[in-house]
C-alpha cells in the first residue's frame, strides 16, 4: 500500500514512526566492531530492536515553493549490521541509495560541508554515529556538473540552510570539540536524484530541492544511530 503525507503533517508523521536513541538505552555504546567475519555480534536490526518501519515508500507532497513536478520519496530499508571493513573495500551489500546502514570504513568524515565527494564507506560511519548526511548531484536531470553554477549553488545553499536549522546538539557542544551538530554535506555522484539525505535506517530522495520537507526529515531522524559519537572524523580520505 502506498502512503501519502502532506508537508503540514510530516513532522507528526515522523514523530509517530521514530524511536529515540535515549528511549532504547543506546547511549554509551562505543565503536567496537572488527573487520571481516570475526566482527563483534550485534543485536538484530543493528541495535534498534523496536525500530519503527514504513510498510512502503512514502511519497511526500512538496512545498508550494518547490519546482513543478518535484517528487519526494522517504523510505526505511531494513537496517544492516554496521560492520567495519578495510578502507578501499568495494562495498556491495548496501540495500538503499543512498546507503543508510551496513558495512563501512573504520574512519568517519568530520561533520562539515565538502566540495569533493566523501566516499560512501566513510559517511555511512557518520550515520552510525547519529549523523544526518545531506547529499546532492547537480548533474542529474540535465543540470550542470559545475558546482559553481547558479543552479547548483542554490542547492548547496539550501542544504546549508537545512543544516543551520538544526538545533545545537548538547552531546556535541558539551564536548568542546567545535562540533555543533552531526551533519555531513557532500556531493555524491551515485545518487539518482538531485537531492538526497540519509540517516541510520532512513533515506530521503527528491528530484528538486525542497527545504521544508528535507528539514523535517533531518530533524525527525537526527541522532538515531547506534553509536552516539560527536568526536570529529577526518577531512581527507583514502580509497585504497
C-alpha atoms as a PDB file:
ATOM      1  CA  UNK A   1       0.000   0.000   0.000  1.00  0.00           C
ATOM      2  CA  UNK A   2       1.401   3.410  -0.938  1.00  0.00           C
ATOM      3  CA  UNK A   3       1.013   6.189   1.568  1.00  0.00           C
ATOM      4  CA  UNK A   4       0.853   9.943   1.087  1.00  0.00           C
ATOM      5  CA  UNK A   5       1.559  12.718   3.519  1.00  0.00           C
ATOM      6  CA  UNK A   6       1.448  16.454   3.018  1.00  0.00           C
ATOM      7  CA  UNK A   7       4.114  18.744   4.401  1.00  0.00           C
ATOM      8  CA  UNK A   8       1.990  20.052   7.270  1.00  0.00           C
ATOM      9  CA  UNK A   9       1.584  16.522   8.608  1.00  0.00           C
ATOM     10  CA  UNK A  10       5.185  15.465   8.006  1.00  0.00           C
ATOM     11  CA  UNK A  11       6.529  16.326  11.440  1.00  0.00           C
ATOM     12  CA  UNK A  12       3.752  14.484  13.274  1.00  0.00           C
ATOM     13  CA  UNK A  13       4.084  11.533  10.940  1.00  0.00           C
ATOM     14  CA  UNK A  14       7.767  11.159  11.731  1.00  0.00           C
ATOM     15  CA  UNK A  15       7.182  11.686  15.438  1.00  0.00           C
ATOM     16  CA  UNK A  16       4.874   8.677  15.419  1.00  0.00           C
ATOM     17  CA  UNK A  17       7.249   6.457  13.464  1.00  0.00           C
ATOM     18  CA  UNK A  18      10.565   7.235  15.113  1.00  0.00           C
ATOM     19  CA  UNK A  19      12.057   5.869  18.305  1.00  0.00           C
ATOM     20  CA  UNK A  20      14.552   7.980  20.198  1.00  0.00           C
ATOM     21  CA  UNK A  21      18.037   6.707  20.925  1.00  0.00           C
ATOM     22  CA  UNK A  22      17.610   7.577  24.583  1.00  0.00           C
ATOM     23  CA  UNK A  23      14.437   5.518  24.858  1.00  0.00           C
ATOM     24  CA  UNK A  24      16.298   2.497  23.561  1.00  0.00           C
ATOM     25  CA  UNK A  25      19.060   2.888  26.111  1.00  0.00           C
ATOM     26  CA  UNK A  26      21.770   3.103  23.477  1.00  0.00           C
ATOM     27  CA  UNK A  27      23.744   5.989  24.969  1.00  0.00           C
ATOM     28  CA  UNK A  28      27.297   4.996  25.709  1.00  0.00           C
ATOM     29  CA  UNK A  29      27.746   2.375  23.007  1.00  0.00           C
ATOM     30  CA  UNK A  30      31.218   2.799  21.526  1.00  0.00           C
ATOM     31  CA  UNK A  31      32.807   1.821  18.241  1.00  0.00           C
ATOM     32  CA  UNK A  32      33.844  -1.740  18.799  1.00  0.00           C
ATOM     33  CA  UNK A  33      33.352  -3.672  15.587  1.00  0.00           C
ATOM     34  CA  UNK A  34      36.024  -5.769  13.994  1.00  0.00           C
ATOM     35  CA  UNK A  35      36.505  -6.181  10.280  1.00  0.00           C
ATOM     36  CA  UNK A  36      35.692  -9.344   8.426  1.00  0.00           C
ATOM     37  CA  UNK A  37      33.969 -12.446   9.700  1.00  0.00           C
ATOM     38  CA  UNK A  38      35.354 -12.090  13.216  1.00  0.00           C
ATOM     39  CA  UNK A  39      33.340  -8.950  13.947  1.00  0.00           C
ATOM     40  CA  UNK A  40      31.566  -8.463  17.243  1.00  0.00           C
ATOM     41  CA  UNK A  41      27.996  -9.704  17.064  1.00  0.00           C
ATOM     42  CA  UNK A  42      25.244  -7.094  17.423  1.00  0.00           C
ATOM     43  CA  UNK A  43      21.527  -7.179  18.264  1.00  0.00           C
ATOM     44  CA  UNK A  44      19.060  -7.736  15.454  1.00  0.00           C
ATOM     45  CA  UNK A  45      18.338  -4.631  13.364  1.00  0.00           C
ATOM     46  CA  UNK A  46      21.770  -3.263  14.246  1.00  0.00           C
ATOM     47  CA  UNK A  47      20.869  -2.371  17.820  1.00  0.00           C
ATOM     48  CA  UNK A  48      17.387  -0.974  17.204  1.00  0.00           C
ATOM     49  CA  UNK A  49      15.072  -3.854  18.180  1.00  0.00           C
ATOM     50  CA  UNK A  50      11.967  -1.647  18.469  1.00  0.00           C
ATOM     51  CA  UNK A  51      12.613   0.395  15.370  1.00  0.00           C
ATOM     52  CA  UNK A  52       9.513   1.661  13.586  1.00  0.00           C
ATOM     53  CA  UNK A  53       9.343   0.720   9.932  1.00  0.00           C
ATOM     54  CA  UNK A  54       7.467   2.104   6.958  1.00  0.00           C
ATOM     55  CA  UNK A  55       5.279  -0.504   5.252  1.00  0.00           C
ATOM     56  CA  UNK A  56       6.083   1.072   1.874  1.00  0.00           C
ATOM     57  CA  UNK A  57       7.854   4.103   0.442  1.00  0.00           C
ATOM     58  CA  UNK A  58       6.127   7.349   1.402  1.00  0.00           C
ATOM     59  CA  UNK A  59       5.576   9.939  -1.316  1.00  0.00           C
ATOM     60  CA  UNK A  60       5.605  13.377   0.272  1.00  0.00           C
ATOM     61  CA  UNK A  61       3.876  16.366  -1.260  1.00  0.00           C
ATOM     62  CA  UNK A  62       6.469  19.106  -1.834  1.00  0.00           C
ATOM     63  CA  UNK A  63       6.024  22.616  -0.530  1.00  0.00           C
ATOM     64  CA  UNK A  64       4.343  25.227  -2.769  1.00  0.00           C
ATOM     65  CA  UNK A  65       7.740  26.795  -3.480  1.00  0.00           C
ATOM     66  CA  UNK A  66       9.246  23.600  -4.874  1.00  0.00           C
ATOM     67  CA  UNK A  67       9.883  23.122  -8.567  1.00  0.00           C
ATOM     68  CA  UNK A  68       6.845  21.921 -10.549  1.00  0.00           C
ATOM     69  CA  UNK A  69       6.670  18.141 -10.715  1.00  0.00           C
ATOM     70  CA  UNK A  70       9.056  17.645  -7.797  1.00  0.00           C
ATOM     71  CA  UNK A  71       8.896  14.125  -6.408  1.00  0.00           C
ATOM     72  CA  UNK A  72       9.984  13.267  -2.864  1.00  0.00           C
ATOM     73  CA  UNK A  73      10.209   9.714  -1.533  1.00  0.00           C
ATOM     74  CA  UNK A  74      11.101   8.615   2.002  1.00  0.00           C
ATOM     75  CA  UNK A  75      11.965   5.006   2.813  1.00  0.00           C
ATOM     76  CA  UNK A  76      13.167   2.966   5.769  1.00  0.00           C
ATOM     77  CA  UNK A  77      15.043  -0.025   4.349  1.00  0.00           C
ATOM     78  CA  UNK A  78      15.966  -2.888   6.670  1.00  0.00           C
ATOM     79  CA  UNK A  79      18.858  -1.887   8.921  1.00  0.00           C
ATOM     80  CA  UNK A  80      22.051  -3.803   8.213  1.00  0.00           C
ATOM     81  CA  UNK A  81      24.720  -4.596  10.780  1.00  0.00           C
ATOM     82  CA  UNK A  82      27.335  -1.840  10.925  1.00  0.00           C
ATOM     83  CA  UNK A  83      30.424  -3.943  10.322  1.00  0.00           C
ATOM     84  CA  UNK A  84      33.835  -2.357   9.735  1.00  0.00           C
ATOM     85  CA  UNK A  85      35.637  -3.276   6.520  1.00  0.00           C
ATOM     86  CA  UNK A  86      39.060  -2.224   5.306  1.00  0.00           C
ATOM     87  CA  UNK A  87      39.372   1.193   3.696  1.00  0.00           C
ATOM     88  CA  UNK A  88      39.092   0.808  -0.060  1.00  0.00           C
ATOM     89  CA  UNK A  89      36.808  -2.220   0.108  1.00  0.00           C
ATOM     90  CA  UNK A  90      34.225  -2.164  -2.656  1.00  0.00           C
ATOM     91  CA  UNK A  91      31.069  -2.445  -0.559  1.00  0.00           C
ATOM     92  CA  UNK A  92      28.254  -4.088  -2.493  1.00  0.00           C
ATOM     93  CA  UNK A  93      25.940  -5.097   0.364  1.00  0.00           C
ATOM     94  CA  UNK A  94      24.106  -1.798   0.865  1.00  0.00           C
ATOM     95  CA  UNK A  95      20.372  -2.067   0.326  1.00  0.00           C
ATOM     96  CA  UNK A  96      19.457   1.536  -0.451  1.00  0.00           C
ATOM     97  CA  UNK A  97      20.631   4.521  -2.467  1.00  0.00           C
ATOM     98  CA  UNK A  98      21.961   6.476  -0.697  1.00  0.00           C
ATOM     99  CA  UNK A  99      23.186   3.811   1.724  1.00  0.00           C
ATOM    100  CA  UNK A 100      21.623   4.098   5.147  1.00  0.00           C
ATOM    101  CA  UNK A 101      23.274   1.368   7.234  1.00  0.00           C
ATOM    102  CA  UNK A 102      25.602  -1.584   6.917  1.00  0.00           C
ATOM    103  CA  UNK A 103      29.295  -2.045   6.256  1.00  0.00           C
ATOM    104  CA  UNK A 104      31.555   0.984   6.397  1.00  0.00           C
ATOM    105  CA  UNK A 105      35.164   2.060   6.876  1.00  0.00           C
ATOM    106  CA  UNK A 106      36.708   2.340  10.366  1.00  0.00           C
ATOM    107  CA  UNK A 107      37.146   6.118   9.918  1.00  0.00           C
ATOM    108  CA  UNK A 108      34.313   8.622   9.559  1.00  0.00           C
ATOM    109  CA  UNK A 109      34.101  12.059   7.950  1.00  0.00           C
ATOM    110  CA  UNK A 110      34.305  15.227  10.010  1.00  0.00           C
ATOM    111  CA  UNK A 111      30.915  16.876  10.485  1.00  0.00           C
ATOM    112  CA  UNK A 112      31.095  19.651   7.907  1.00  0.00           C
ATOM    113  CA  UNK A 113      30.425  20.600   4.276  1.00  0.00           C
ATOM    114  CA  UNK A 114      32.594  19.164   1.495  1.00  0.00           C
ATOM    115  CA  UNK A 115      33.130  20.289  -2.081  1.00  0.00           C
ATOM    116  CA  UNK A 116      34.538  16.931  -3.218  1.00  0.00           C
ATOM    117  CA  UNK A 117      32.565  13.715  -2.714  1.00  0.00           C
ATOM    118  CA  UNK A 118      33.102  11.900   0.571  1.00  0.00           C
ATOM    119  CA  UNK A 119      33.412   8.182  -0.254  1.00  0.00           C
ATOM    120  CA  UNK A 120      30.350   6.336   0.941  1.00  0.00           C
ATOM    121  CA  UNK A 121      32.251   3.951   3.181  1.00  0.00           C
ATOM    122  CA  UNK A 122      33.202   6.948   5.339  1.00  0.00           C
ATOM    123  CA  UNK A 123      29.863   8.726   5.545  1.00  0.00           C
ATOM    124  CA  UNK A 124      27.940   5.552   6.401  1.00  0.00           C
ATOM    125  CA  UNK A 125      30.089   5.509   9.539  1.00  0.00           C
ATOM    126  CA  UNK A 126      28.792   9.029  10.277  1.00  0.00           C
ATOM    127  CA  UNK A 127      25.248   7.693  10.003  1.00  0.00           C
ATOM    128  CA  UNK A 128      26.060   5.047  12.591  1.00  0.00           C
ATOM    129  CA  UNK A 129      27.144   7.889  14.878  1.00  0.00           C
ATOM    130  CA  UNK A 130      23.719   9.503  14.557  1.00  0.00           C
ATOM    131  CA  UNK A 131      24.563  11.982  11.824  1.00  0.00           C
ATOM    132  CA  UNK A 132      22.329  13.126   9.023  1.00  0.00           C
ATOM    133  CA  UNK A 133      24.123  13.213   5.675  1.00  0.00           C
ATOM    134  CA  UNK A 134      22.853  15.725   3.098  1.00  0.00           C
ATOM    135  CA  UNK A 135      23.701  14.838  -0.496  1.00  0.00           C
ATOM    136  CA  UNK A 136      23.440  16.415  -3.912  1.00  0.00           C
ATOM    137  CA  UNK A 137      24.204  15.600  -7.537  1.00  0.00           C
ATOM    138  CA  UNK A 138      23.706  18.724  -9.608  1.00  0.00           C
ATOM    139  CA  UNK A 139      24.329  16.842 -12.857  1.00  0.00           C
ATOM    140  CA  UNK A 140      21.128  14.800 -12.518  1.00  0.00           C
ATOM    141  CA  UNK A 141      18.057  15.765 -14.560  1.00  0.00           C
ATOM    142  CA  UNK A 142      20.145  17.707 -17.051  1.00  0.00           C
ATOM    143  CA  UNK A 143      21.688  20.056 -14.512  1.00  0.00           C
ATOM    144  CA  UNK A 144      25.204  21.457 -14.668  1.00  0.00           C
ATOM    145  CA  UNK A 145      28.075  19.402 -13.281  1.00  0.00           C
ATOM    146  CA  UNK A 146      29.774  22.656 -12.310  1.00  0.00           C
ATOM    147  CA  UNK A 147      29.221  23.235  -8.603  1.00  0.00           C
ATOM    148  CA  UNK A 148      29.746  26.961  -9.146  1.00  0.00           C
ATOM    149  CA  UNK A 149      26.751  27.212 -11.487  1.00  0.00           C
ATOM    150  CA  UNK A 150      23.864  29.291 -10.088  1.00  0.00           C
ATOM    151  CA  UNK A 151      21.506  26.302 -10.077  1.00  0.00           C
ATOM    152  CA  UNK A 152      23.937  24.112  -8.157  1.00  0.00           C
ATOM    153  CA  UNK A 153      24.784  26.915  -5.745  1.00  0.00           C
ATOM    154  CA  UNK A 154      21.082  27.224  -4.961  1.00  0.00           C
ATOM    155  CA  UNK A 155      21.034  23.571  -3.935  1.00  0.00           C
ATOM    156  CA  UNK A 156      24.225  23.858  -1.870  1.00  0.00           C
ATOM    157  CA  UNK A 157      22.921  26.973  -0.119  1.00  0.00           C
ATOM    158  CA  UNK A 158      19.634  25.226   0.566  1.00  0.00           C
ATOM    159  CA  UNK A 159      21.380  22.259   2.178  1.00  0.00           C
ATOM    160  CA  UNK A 160      23.314  24.701   4.362  1.00  0.00           C
ATOM    161  CA  UNK A 161      20.019  26.233   5.409  1.00  0.00           C
ATOM    162  CA  UNK A 162      18.754  22.791   6.399  1.00  0.00           C
ATOM    163  CA  UNK A 163      21.888  22.087   8.434  1.00  0.00           C
ATOM    164  CA  UNK A 164      21.793  25.503  10.088  1.00  0.00           C
ATOM    165  CA  UNK A 165      18.172  24.969  11.098  1.00  0.00           C
ATOM    166  CA  UNK A 166      19.015  22.003  13.321  1.00  0.00           C
ATOM    167  CA  UNK A 167      19.246  22.950  16.991  1.00  0.00           C
ATOM    168  CA  UNK A 168      22.559  22.699  18.819  1.00  0.00           C
ATOM    169  CA  UNK A 169      23.315  19.136  19.856  1.00  0.00           C
ATOM    170  CA  UNK A 170      24.132  19.241  23.593  1.00  0.00           C
ATOM    171  CA  UNK A 171      26.040  15.956  23.356  1.00  0.00           C
ATOM    172  CA  UNK A 172      28.385  17.636  20.880  1.00  0.00           C
ATOM    173  CA  UNK A 173      28.567  21.165  22.252  1.00  0.00           C
ATOM    174  CA  UNK A 174      29.331  19.897  25.755  1.00  0.00           C
ATOM    175  CA  UNK A 175      32.368  18.035  24.419  1.00  0.00           C
ATOM    176  CA  UNK A 176      34.035  21.314  23.474  1.00  0.00           C
ATOM    177  CA  UNK A 177      35.473  19.982  20.197  1.00  0.00           C
ATOM    178  CA  UNK A 178      33.840  22.590  17.982  1.00  0.00           C
ATOM    179  CA  UNK A 179      31.062  20.332  16.696  1.00  0.00           C
ATOM    180  CA  UNK A 180      27.602  21.907  16.819  1.00  0.00           C
ATOM    181  CA  UNK A 181      25.611  19.187  15.052  1.00  0.00           C
ATOM    182  CA  UNK A 182      26.362  15.833  13.469  1.00  0.00           C
ATOM    183  CA  UNK A 183      25.742  16.735   9.825  1.00  0.00           C
ATOM    184  CA  UNK A 184      27.800  15.945   6.749  1.00  0.00           C
ATOM    185  CA  UNK A 185      27.001  17.702   3.477  1.00  0.00           C
ATOM    186  CA  UNK A 186      28.660  16.296   0.379  1.00  0.00           C
ATOM    187  CA  UNK A 187      28.184  15.793  -3.336  1.00  0.00           C
ATOM    188  CA  UNK A 188      27.506  12.173  -4.257  1.00  0.00           C
ATOM    189  CA  UNK A 189      27.667  11.279  -7.967  1.00  0.00           C
ATOM    190  CA  UNK A 190      25.954   7.938  -7.272  1.00  0.00           C
ATOM    191  CA  UNK A 191      22.591   9.233  -6.058  1.00  0.00           C
ATOM    192  CA  UNK A 192      19.883   9.036  -8.707  1.00  0.00           C
ATOM    193  CA  UNK A 193      18.193  12.344  -7.889  1.00  0.00           C
ATOM    194  CA  UNK A 194      19.434  15.888  -7.495  1.00  0.00           C
ATOM    195  CA  UNK A 195      18.980  15.883  -3.704  1.00  0.00           C
ATOM    196  CA  UNK A 196      19.081  13.085  -1.157  1.00  0.00           C
ATOM    197  CA  UNK A 197      19.666  12.551   2.528  1.00  0.00           C
ATOM    198  CA  UNK A 198      20.303   9.637   4.821  1.00  0.00           C
ATOM    199  CA  UNK A 199      20.078   8.840   8.493  1.00  0.00           C
ATOM    200  CA  UNK A 200      20.667   5.448  10.091  1.00  0.00           C
ATOM    201  CA  UNK A 201      17.914   3.306   8.573  1.00  0.00           C
ATOM    202  CA  UNK A 202      16.196   6.111   6.626  1.00  0.00           C
ATOM    203  CA  UNK A 203      16.544   7.671   3.169  1.00  0.00           C
ATOM    204  CA  UNK A 204      15.154  10.771   1.506  1.00  0.00           C
ATOM    205  CA  UNK A 205      15.271  11.229  -2.278  1.00  0.00           C
ATOM    206  CA  UNK A 206      13.968  14.245  -4.174  1.00  0.00           C
ATOM    207  CA  UNK A 207      14.096  15.417  -7.756  1.00  0.00           C
ATOM    208  CA  UNK A 208      14.379  19.004  -6.521  1.00  0.00           C
ATOM    209  CA  UNK A 209      15.465  20.999  -3.506  1.00  0.00           C
ATOM    210  CA  UNK A 210      12.533  21.238  -1.086  1.00  0.00           C
ATOM    211  CA  UNK A 211      13.862  22.808   2.093  1.00  0.00           C
ATOM    212  CA  UNK A 212      10.759  22.308   4.311  1.00  0.00           C
ATOM    213  CA  UNK A 213      10.413  18.556   3.782  1.00  0.00           C
ATOM    214  CA  UNK A 214      14.173  17.970   3.947  1.00  0.00           C
ATOM    215  CA  UNK A 215      14.377  19.954   7.187  1.00  0.00           C
ATOM    216  CA  UNK A 216      11.546  17.885   8.639  1.00  0.00           C
ATOM    217  CA  UNK A 217      13.352  14.693   7.651  1.00  0.00           C
ATOM    218  CA  UNK A 218      16.652  15.841   9.189  1.00  0.00           C
ATOM    219  CA  UNK A 219      15.034  16.879  12.469  1.00  0.00           C
ATOM    220  CA  UNK A 220      12.974  13.694  12.704  1.00  0.00           C
ATOM    221  CA  UNK A 221      15.873  11.275  12.155  1.00  0.00           C
ATOM    222  CA  UNK A 222      18.829  13.095  13.663  1.00  0.00           C
ATOM    223  CA  UNK A 223      20.732  11.215  16.356  1.00  0.00           C
ATOM    224  CA  UNK A 224      19.282   7.766  15.639  1.00  0.00           C
ATOM    225  CA  UNK A 225      22.458   5.812  15.020  1.00  0.00           C
ATOM    226  CA  UNK A 226      23.553   3.016  17.292  1.00  0.00           C
ATOM    227  CA  UNK A 227      26.686   4.874  18.432  1.00  0.00           C
ATOM    228  CA  UNK A 228      26.083   8.466  19.621  1.00  0.00           C
ATOM    229  CA  UNK A 229      29.535   9.865  18.871  1.00  0.00           C
ATOM    230  CA  UNK A 230      30.339  13.571  18.422  1.00  0.00           C
ATOM    231  CA  UNK A 231      34.125  13.252  18.149  1.00  0.00           C
ATOM    232  CA  UNK A 232      35.115  14.642  14.785  1.00  0.00           C
ATOM    233  CA  UNK A 233      36.388  12.476  11.972  1.00  0.00           C
ATOM    234  CA  UNK A 234      38.761  13.129   9.088  1.00  0.00           C
ATOM    235  CA  UNK A 235      38.593  15.678   6.306  1.00  0.00           C
ATOM    236  CA  UNK A 236      40.783  13.830   3.794  1.00  0.00           C
ATOM    237  CA  UNK A 237      40.046  10.359   2.539  1.00  0.00           C
ATOM    238  CA  UNK A 238      41.862   7.457   1.000  1.00  0.00           C
ATOM    239  CA  UNK A 239      40.123   4.800  -1.061  1.00  0.00           C
ATOM    240  CA  UNK A 240      42.889   2.184  -1.017  1.00  0.00           C
END
